Structures are given as C-alpha cells and as structure tokens.
Amino acid sequence: MQIVTDCGVETLPSEIKGIKIHYIPLPITIDGKIYLSRVNITSDEFYDMQENALEIPTTSQPSPGDFKNLYKKLAKEDPDILSIHMSSGFSGTINAARVGARAVPEANVEFYDTKAVSAAEAWHVEMAAKAIGAGWDKPRILSMLKQVSEATDSLFTISTLKYLAYGGRISHLKALIASTLSIKPIIGIDKGTGKTIIRGKERTMPNAIDKIVDIIGAIYPPGTPMRTQAGHTQYPEGADRLQEKLDTMFECTWLPKGQIEPFLGAHVGKGFVGVVFAPKALFPKIP
C-alpha cells in the first residue's frame, strides 16, 4: 500500500518504516508567477516574497490531472493507495484527488479527509505510514485515522487577519474590526466542517499565545501527558514562548517545531504561532 498526500503537510521523513510518502505540490501565485511548494520555493523564500509582493499571494488546488498522473504511475507498482489530504473545509484538494482517481480505474484509491491542516494533517500521514509498516489493512487504518482526528486539535494566533479575509476564509468585516482594534484572534479548526473558527481574542501576541495555553488548560487537567508540536511563520520566539508555557502545565512530548509550509502561510502571513496537541491516552498507538 502507498500513501499520497499534499504539500500542506509539515515535513515528514521521506520514508517511515520503509513506506514512501508521495506528495502533490500545491500552486502559489505571487505577482503573476506560479510557484510549487517544495519544488521551486522554500518557506523562507515565500515569506520574504509575500512581504514584498505587489499583490497578496494566492493559492489554488492541484488539478485532477496532477492526481491522475501520480495515481497512474503508482498503480504500476502497487494499486492500493491511501490518499490523505488537508481539510475539505479549507481547500478543494481532496475533491481534485477524487476526480483524478476516476480516470485511473486500475488504482484502488481510498481517500481520507483529515479536516485538518499543516502539522495536524501530517500527524495523520505519519500514523498511516506507521500502520502500513506494521501490516495493517485499509479498514483498520481508516478506523485508526478517525481516532487521530478525534484526539487531535489545533490552535493558533496571527498578527493580521487580512490574508484569511482575502482568501475568503474569514469575513472582511471581522478582519477590518480586528485591524482597527489591534486584535489578535485565537483560531481553531472545527472538527465537523474543517473550517476555521474564532476561539478567543487578545490585544497583543504574547497575550494571545498565553490565551492558547489557557484554552487547552480548560480542556485537559494539569499534568496530562500530551503529544505536541509548535509551528510559526518567521516568529520563532513566539513558538518558544508557547512551548515553554505548555511545558509548565502539561507533560509534553514535543515533535520538532519549525516554519509552516507556504500554502498555509499564504493565508496567515508572518507572525503566526500555533500548536497541534493531543492527549497521549486518546492518541492511537502502533506497535
């Protein structure tokens, strides 16, 4: 069995227990030129270009043809394919994947909508690869992925809402009010719709980061063993603060932190700080 995903996920090892992960690049348009994440633009390059662009960079989903070509190629090696993608509430990527698969009847493609983005999406891919390496079949893996979805949450804050508003993922009125009042929103992902939701707001980034910790602390008791991963966009000190604060409240096992991929970065801009978290007791275990 093989895994296909998109470049909305954070960087994973190219192989996990010998299971190769295949990535579909995501197009980003900057001042009329199209770039492909992880192909001809890095995270640092993107954020510098975003800051200096004449127009707000835009993203688009891969074409069904991109998926068709990949599925056709992979089916020659192994027709069993698990295609795991970012939230359908955030992007039409998984819909393009389904259309592309219809043109490759020789491929046996199963789809999973993570209803998540970035590192949370990557956790699904990671666990699926480990399960394949352990010899699990598709039904068992899909059941396990639902456990990952149910256990995992994301919270983040951003310096500006203009990018989310421009992409239609939050109203322009909310963005205008937030900008006028210098509000830093705390944003989560609704598990039912996979869309962004406002979970709180503060006047400064440090206070917003602390509020993320307070929200998690209201859900889980102090000392809870947690699987955690922080991310940022050219704001490492913010990610450090978030990590330090969470360490004082929970027993955290941290995955490597770093900058989020350009596709999501196009919708949040510089000054993003976020965390993906799950209580270890609810997160699936694979031998």
Protein backbone atom coordinates (compact mmCIF):
# COMPACT_ATOMS: atom_id res chain seq x y z
CA MET A 1 0.00 0.00 0.00
CA GLN A 2 1.22 3.51 -0.86
CA ILE A 3 0.41 6.94 0.58
CA VAL A 4 -0.36 10.09 -1.37
CA THR A 5 -0.72 13.45 0.36
CA ASP A 6 -0.32 17.14 -0.43
CA CYS A 7 2.32 19.71 0.41
CA GLY A 8 0.06 21.30 3.01
CA VAL A 9 1.57 18.85 5.50
CA GLU A 10 4.63 19.72 7.51
CA THR A 11 7.86 17.99 6.53
CA LEU A 12 7.95 14.28 7.28
CA PRO A 13 10.72 11.75 6.72
CA SER A 14 10.65 10.63 3.08
CA GLU A 15 10.07 7.13 4.39
CA ILE A 16 8.57 5.87 7.64
CA LYS A 17 9.32 2.22 8.30
CA GLY A 18 10.07 1.80 4.60
CA ILE A 19 6.75 3.32 3.46
CA LYS A 20 7.38 6.00 0.83
CA ILE A 21 5.12 9.06 1.00
CA HIS A 22 4.23 10.75 -2.30
CA TYR A 23 3.48 14.49 -2.30
CA ILE A 24 1.35 16.53 -4.67
CA PRO A 25 2.75 20.09 -4.88
CA LEU A 26 0.37 22.98 -4.19
CA PRO A 27 0.41 26.03 -6.51
CA ILE A 28 1.04 29.50 -5.08
CA THR A 29 0.80 32.60 -7.29
CA ILE A 30 2.98 35.60 -6.41
CA ASP A 31 2.69 38.68 -8.62
CA GLY A 32 1.53 36.60 -11.57
CA LYS A 33 4.15 33.84 -11.29
CA ILE A 34 3.19 30.34 -10.17
CA TYR A 35 5.39 28.53 -7.66
CA LEU A 36 5.05 24.97 -6.38
CA SER A 37 5.65 24.32 -2.69
CA ARG A 38 8.71 22.13 -2.08
CA VAL A 39 9.57 22.26 -5.80
CA ASN A 40 10.78 25.78 -6.62
CA ILE A 41 10.15 27.79 -3.44
CA THR A 42 11.17 27.33 0.20
CA SER A 43 9.34 28.60 3.27
CA ASP A 44 11.87 31.37 3.93
CA GLU A 45 11.79 32.47 0.29
CA PHE A 46 8.00 32.54 0.30
CA TYR A 47 7.63 34.68 3.44
CA ASP A 48 10.15 37.21 2.16
CA MET A 49 8.35 37.38 -1.19
CA GLN A 50 4.94 37.61 0.48
CA GLU A 51 6.09 40.62 2.48
CA ASN A 52 7.30 42.45 -0.63
CA ALA A 53 4.69 41.31 -3.17
CA LEU A 54 2.75 43.92 -5.11
CA GLU A 55 -0.42 41.84 -4.64
CA ILE A 56 -1.46 39.40 -1.93
CA PRO A 57 -0.25 35.92 -2.98
CA THR A 58 -2.98 33.41 -3.78
CA THR A 59 -3.19 29.63 -3.68
CA SER A 60 -5.01 27.08 -5.79
CA GLN A 61 -5.66 23.39 -5.54
CA PRO A 62 -3.78 20.87 -7.69
CA SER A 63 -5.55 19.82 -10.88
CA PRO A 64 -7.29 16.44 -11.20
CA GLY A 65 -4.74 15.72 -13.94
CA ASP A 66 -1.91 16.04 -11.42
CA PHE A 67 -3.52 13.35 -9.30
CA LYS A 68 -4.39 11.20 -12.31
CA ASN A 69 -0.79 11.15 -13.46
CA LEU A 70 0.52 10.28 -10.00
CA TYR A 71 -2.06 7.55 -9.35
CA LYS A 72 -1.39 6.02 -12.77
CA LYS A 73 2.34 5.93 -12.09
CA LEU A 74 1.91 4.45 -8.61
CA ALA A 75 -0.64 1.86 -9.71
CA LYS A 76 2.06 0.18 -11.81
CA GLU A 77 3.97 -0.52 -8.59
CA ASP A 78 1.07 -1.17 -6.18
CA PRO A 79 -2.58 -0.37 -6.99
CA ASP A 80 -3.56 0.00 -3.30
CA ILE A 81 -3.27 3.72 -2.49
CA LEU A 82 -4.33 5.71 0.58
CA SER A 83 -4.77 9.40 -0.31
CA ILE A 84 -4.74 11.62 2.79
CA HIS A 85 -5.39 15.33 2.45
CA MET A 86 -5.93 18.67 4.13
CA SER A 87 -9.39 19.70 5.23
CA SER A 88 -12.05 19.94 2.55
CA GLY A 89 -13.26 22.96 4.54
CA PHE A 90 -10.03 24.75 3.71
CA SER A 91 -9.17 23.54 0.21
CA GLY A 92 -10.66 21.62 -2.69
CA THR A 93 -7.56 19.42 -2.92
CA ILE A 94 -9.27 16.18 -1.89
CA ASN A 95 -12.07 16.80 -4.40
CA ALA A 96 -9.49 17.17 -7.18
CA ALA A 97 -7.93 13.92 -5.98
CA ARG A 98 -11.26 12.09 -6.25
CA VAL A 99 -11.81 13.38 -9.78
CA GLY A 100 -8.30 12.38 -10.80
CA ALA A 101 -8.74 8.86 -9.40
CA ARG A 102 -11.82 8.25 -11.54
CA ALA A 103 -9.57 8.37 -14.59
CA VAL A 104 -7.35 5.61 -13.19
CA PRO A 105 -9.61 2.55 -12.74
CA GLU A 106 -6.59 0.30 -12.24
CA ALA A 107 -5.81 2.15 -8.99
CA ASN A 108 -7.63 1.21 -5.80
CA VAL A 109 -7.62 4.62 -4.09
CA GLU A 110 -9.09 5.22 -0.63
CA PHE A 111 -9.46 8.84 0.49
CA TYR A 112 -9.27 10.38 3.95
CA ASP A 113 -10.27 13.98 4.68
CA THR A 114 -8.29 14.94 7.78
CA LYS A 115 -10.44 18.04 8.47
CA ALA A 116 -7.08 19.48 9.48
CA VAL A 117 -4.16 21.44 8.08
CA SER A 118 -0.42 21.69 8.49
CA ALA A 119 1.10 19.61 11.33
CA ALA A 120 -2.26 18.11 12.27
CA GLU A 121 -2.61 16.78 8.74
CA ALA A 122 0.96 15.49 8.92
CA TRP A 123 0.13 13.50 12.07
CA HIS A 124 -2.48 11.57 10.09
CA VAL A 125 0.03 10.80 7.33
CA GLU A 126 2.68 9.79 9.85
CA MET A 127 0.36 7.37 11.65
CA ALA A 128 -0.95 5.87 8.41
CA ALA A 129 2.62 5.19 7.26
CA LYS A 130 3.45 3.54 10.57
CA ALA A 131 0.30 1.40 10.37
CA ILE A 132 1.15 0.26 6.85
CA GLY A 133 4.62 -0.61 8.07
CA ALA A 134 3.03 -2.67 10.84
CA GLY A 135 0.98 -4.62 8.28
CA TRP A 136 -2.46 -3.13 8.99
CA ASP A 137 -5.15 -3.31 6.31
CA LYS A 138 -7.12 -0.32 4.99
CA PRO A 139 -10.25 -0.66 7.19
CA ARG A 140 -8.12 -0.83 10.32
CA ILE A 141 -6.02 2.15 9.19
CA LEU A 142 -9.10 4.25 8.39
CA SER A 143 -10.53 3.47 11.83
CA MET A 144 -7.23 4.49 13.40
CA LEU A 145 -7.18 7.74 11.40
CA LYS A 146 -10.58 8.63 12.87
CA GLN A 147 -9.02 8.21 16.30
CA VAL A 148 -6.26 10.61 15.31
CA SER A 149 -8.87 13.14 14.12
CA GLU A 150 -10.91 12.82 17.30
CA ALA A 151 -7.91 13.16 19.62
CA THR A 152 -6.12 15.99 17.80
CA ASP A 153 -6.79 19.72 17.99
CA SER A 154 -5.09 22.83 16.64
CA LEU A 155 -4.98 26.38 17.98
CA PHE A 156 -3.10 29.32 16.55
CA THR A 157 -2.89 33.08 16.61
CA ILE A 158 -1.85 35.53 13.91
CA SER A 159 -0.74 39.14 13.70
CA THR A 160 -3.24 40.04 10.97
CA LEU A 161 -6.48 38.66 9.52
CA LYS A 162 -6.01 40.28 6.11
CA TYR A 163 -4.75 37.13 4.44
CA LEU A 164 -7.54 34.91 5.76
CA ALA A 165 -10.06 37.58 4.72
CA TYR A 166 -8.58 37.92 1.24
CA GLY A 167 -8.86 34.16 0.72
CA GLY A 168 -12.48 34.17 1.88
CA ARG A 169 -11.80 32.08 4.98
CA ILE A 170 -13.00 34.80 7.33
CA SER A 171 -15.21 37.83 6.71
CA HIS A 172 -13.67 41.12 5.62
CA LEU A 173 -15.74 42.88 8.30
CA LYS A 174 -14.18 40.80 11.08
CA ALA A 175 -10.74 41.45 9.64
CA LEU A 176 -11.38 45.20 9.48
CA ILE A 177 -12.64 45.34 13.06
CA ALA A 178 -9.70 43.25 14.29
CA SER A 179 -7.23 45.50 12.47
CA THR A 180 -8.85 48.69 13.77
CA LEU A 181 -8.81 47.46 17.37
CA SER A 182 -5.40 45.73 17.02
CA ILE A 183 -6.99 42.41 17.99
CA LYS A 184 -5.03 39.16 17.79
CA PRO A 185 -7.51 36.29 17.30
CA ILE A 186 -7.10 32.78 18.63
CA ILE A 187 -8.26 30.44 15.88
CA GLY A 188 -9.12 26.75 15.88
CA ILE A 189 -10.36 24.24 13.30
CA ASP A 190 -13.92 22.97 13.62
CA LYS A 191 -13.78 19.17 13.54
CA GLY A 192 -17.14 18.86 11.81
CA THR A 193 -16.63 21.30 8.96
CA GLY A 194 -12.84 21.53 8.89
CA LYS A 195 -13.17 25.33 8.73
CA THR A 196 -11.52 27.98 10.88
CA ILE A 197 -13.36 29.24 13.97
CA ILE A 198 -12.53 32.07 16.37
CA ARG A 199 -11.85 30.73 19.88
CA GLY A 200 -10.86 34.00 21.56
CA LYS A 201 -9.06 37.29 21.09
CA GLU A 202 -6.40 39.39 22.78
CA ARG A 203 -4.73 42.76 22.20
CA THR A 204 -1.11 41.55 21.93
CA MET A 205 0.64 38.49 20.52
CA PRO A 206 2.16 37.44 23.89
CA ASN A 207 -1.30 37.59 25.48
CA ALA A 208 -2.79 35.64 22.58
CA ILE A 209 -0.12 32.95 22.96
CA ASP A 210 -0.86 32.73 26.69
CA LYS A 211 -4.58 32.50 25.89
CA ILE A 212 -3.94 29.42 23.75
CA VAL A 213 -2.40 27.77 26.80
CA ASP A 214 -5.41 28.81 28.94
CA ILE A 215 -7.84 27.31 26.42
CA ILE A 216 -6.00 23.98 26.38
CA GLY A 217 -5.79 24.12 30.19
CA ALA A 218 -9.57 24.42 30.38
CA ILE A 219 -9.94 21.19 28.39
CA TYR A 220 -7.32 18.94 29.99
CA PRO A 221 -6.16 18.77 33.64
CA PRO A 222 -2.64 19.88 34.61
CA GLY A 223 0.00 17.22 34.16
CA THR A 224 -1.81 15.44 31.32
CA PRO A 225 0.72 13.65 29.07
CA MET A 226 0.40 15.34 25.69
CA ARG A 227 1.71 14.89 22.15
CA THR A 228 2.50 18.41 20.94
CA GLN A 229 4.03 20.27 18.01
CA ALA A 230 4.50 24.02 17.62
CA GLY A 231 4.84 25.98 14.39
CA HIS A 232 5.35 29.59 13.33
CA THR A 233 5.95 31.91 10.41
CA GLN A 234 9.21 33.79 10.98
CA TYR A 235 8.31 34.18 14.66
CA PRO A 236 10.38 31.54 16.48
CA GLU A 237 10.32 33.44 19.77
CA GLY A 238 6.55 33.15 19.79
CA ALA A 239 6.73 29.39 19.28
CA ASP A 240 9.32 29.20 22.06
CA ARG A 241 7.03 31.10 24.44
CA LEU A 242 4.12 28.80 23.60
CA GLN A 243 6.23 25.71 24.17
CA GLU A 244 7.60 26.99 27.48
CA LYS A 245 4.12 27.87 28.76
CA LEU A 246 2.67 24.49 27.82
CA ASP A 247 5.60 22.71 29.47
CA THR A 248 4.68 24.32 32.78
CA MET A 249 1.14 22.92 32.58
CA PHE A 250 1.41 19.55 30.85
CA GLU A 251 3.78 16.62 30.39
CA CYS A 252 4.55 17.39 26.76
CA THR A 253 6.34 15.23 24.22
CA TRP A 254 7.36 17.70 21.52
CA LEU A 255 7.74 16.92 17.85
CA PRO A 256 10.18 19.21 16.00
CA LYS A 257 8.92 22.76 15.63
CA GLY A 258 9.54 24.91 12.59
CA GLN A 259 8.00 27.15 9.96
CA ILE A 260 4.71 26.10 8.43
CA GLU A 261 4.51 25.30 4.74
CA PRO A 262 3.96 28.18 2.26
CA PHE A 263 0.47 27.02 1.21
CA LEU A 264 -0.95 27.69 4.68
CA GLY A 265 1.42 30.61 5.16
CA ALA A 266 -0.22 32.35 2.21
CA HIS A 267 -3.40 32.53 4.29
CA VAL A 268 -1.88 33.70 7.57
CA GLY A 269 1.23 35.72 6.76
CA LYS A 270 4.14 36.43 9.07
CA GLY A 271 3.57 36.35 12.80
CA PHE A 272 1.69 33.04 13.00
CA VAL A 273 2.17 30.91 16.13
CA GLY A 274 0.28 27.69 16.68
CA VAL A 275 0.25 24.29 18.28
CA VAL A 276 -1.17 20.88 17.45
CA PHE A 277 -1.95 18.78 20.51
CA ALA A 278 -3.49 15.51 21.60
CA PRO A 279 -3.63 13.70 24.95
CA LYS A 280 -1.49 10.59 24.70
CA ALA A 281 -4.21 8.48 26.33
CA LEU A 282 -6.54 9.15 23.37
CA PHE A 283 -3.96 9.08 20.58
CA PRO A 284 -3.63 5.69 18.86
CA LYS A 285 -0.61 3.51 19.48
CA ILE A 286 1.00 1.39 16.79
CA PRO A 287 3.46 -1.34 17.79
